[in-house]
Amino acid sequence: METSFKEYVVVLVENDIQKVEIWVDNESNLPFMLVMDPIEKYDRTYKAIFSNWKVNPDLPKSLFKFSPTASATYQSLESNK
């Protein structure tokens, strides 16, 4: 039986509260795993594994149609200078 190994790039970010690892598949450049590990060991570690990526799927334009309610109002994000 032959075993295959994948290579990953691991991005590690840490502060006083937790360490976060993002594992990126070297071949596809897509995220494979996210690990959030608290510094305080009584907290739980969170791990998410991402799979079955569908890159550039054929999605209908209607999926992105914006239909605000009748009571919606416009809010500008511009500065009031």
Protein backbone atom coordinates (compact mmCIF):
# COMPACT_ATOMS: atom_id res chain seq x y z
CA MET A 1 0.00 0.00 0.00
CA GLU A 2 1.38 3.37 -1.03
CA THR A 3 0.89 6.37 1.21
CA SER A 4 0.71 9.85 -0.29
CA PHE A 5 1.50 12.98 1.63
CA LYS A 6 0.28 16.49 0.90
CA GLU A 7 2.26 19.62 1.59
CA TYR A 8 0.74 22.62 3.32
CA VAL A 9 1.74 26.17 4.11
CA VAL A 10 0.82 26.98 7.70
CA VAL A 11 0.16 30.58 8.70
CA LEU A 12 0.42 31.04 12.47
CA VAL A 13 -0.94 34.12 14.24
CA GLU A 14 -0.89 34.45 18.00
CA ASN A 15 -1.64 36.93 20.75
CA ASP A 16 -2.13 36.77 24.53
CA ILE A 17 -5.47 35.00 24.15
CA GLN A 18 -5.05 32.39 21.42
CA LYS A 19 -3.02 30.89 18.60
CA VAL A 20 -4.63 30.55 15.17
CA GLU A 21 -3.28 28.29 12.43
CA ILE A 22 -4.49 28.42 8.84
CA TRP A 23 -3.35 25.44 6.77
CA VAL A 24 -3.28 26.11 3.02
CA ASP A 25 -2.95 23.30 0.48
CA ASN A 26 0.29 23.84 -1.48
CA GLU A 27 -1.18 22.44 -4.69
CA SER A 28 -4.58 24.16 -4.84
CA ASN A 29 -3.77 27.25 -2.71
CA LEU A 30 -7.10 26.75 -0.92
CA PRO A 31 -7.56 26.65 2.86
CA PHE A 32 -7.55 23.11 4.21
CA MET A 33 -7.80 23.56 7.97
CA LEU A 34 -8.30 26.24 10.62
CA VAL A 35 -7.15 25.61 14.20
CA MET A 36 -7.94 28.04 17.03
CA ASP A 37 -6.00 27.06 20.14
CA PRO A 38 -6.56 29.09 23.32
CA ILE A 39 -3.58 30.03 25.46
CA GLU A 40 -5.56 29.14 28.59
CA LYS A 41 -5.65 25.34 28.47
CA TYR A 42 -9.05 25.05 30.19
CA ASP A 43 -10.66 26.50 27.04
CA ARG A 44 -11.47 24.27 24.07
CA THR A 45 -9.50 24.04 20.86
CA TYR A 46 -11.57 24.59 17.71
CA LYS A 47 -10.64 22.80 14.48
CA ALA A 48 -12.40 23.12 11.13
CA ILE A 49 -11.46 21.10 8.06
CA PHE A 50 -12.51 22.41 4.64
CA SER A 51 -13.09 20.02 1.74
CA ASN A 52 -14.98 19.57 -1.51
CA TRP A 53 -14.20 23.06 -2.77
CA LYS A 54 -16.09 24.09 -5.89
CA VAL A 55 -14.02 26.79 -7.54
CA ASN A 56 -15.84 29.14 -9.93
CA PRO A 57 -19.16 27.27 -9.94
CA ASP A 58 -21.77 28.27 -12.48
CA LEU A 59 -24.20 30.29 -10.33
CA PRO A 60 -27.29 32.06 -11.66
CA LYS A 61 -27.15 35.88 -11.62
CA SER A 62 -30.51 35.92 -9.82
CA LEU A 63 -28.73 34.55 -6.75
CA PHE A 64 -27.05 37.94 -6.35
CA LYS A 65 -30.06 40.18 -7.00
CA PHE A 66 -30.52 42.76 -4.24
CA SER A 67 -34.15 43.29 -3.28
CA PRO A 68 -34.44 45.75 -0.38
CA THR A 69 -37.63 45.93 1.63
CA ALA A 70 -39.97 48.90 1.18
CA SER A 71 -38.82 50.38 4.51
CA ALA A 72 -35.08 50.21 3.65
CA THR A 73 -33.17 53.50 3.56
CA TYR A 74 -29.91 54.47 1.89
CA GLN A 75 -26.94 55.08 4.20
CA SER A 76 -23.84 56.76 2.76
CA LEU A 77 -20.47 55.45 3.89
CA GLU A 78 -18.71 58.65 2.86
CA SER A 79 -17.03 60.92 5.37
CA ASN A 80 -18.99 64.01 6.54
CA LYS A 81 -16.08 66.41 5.93
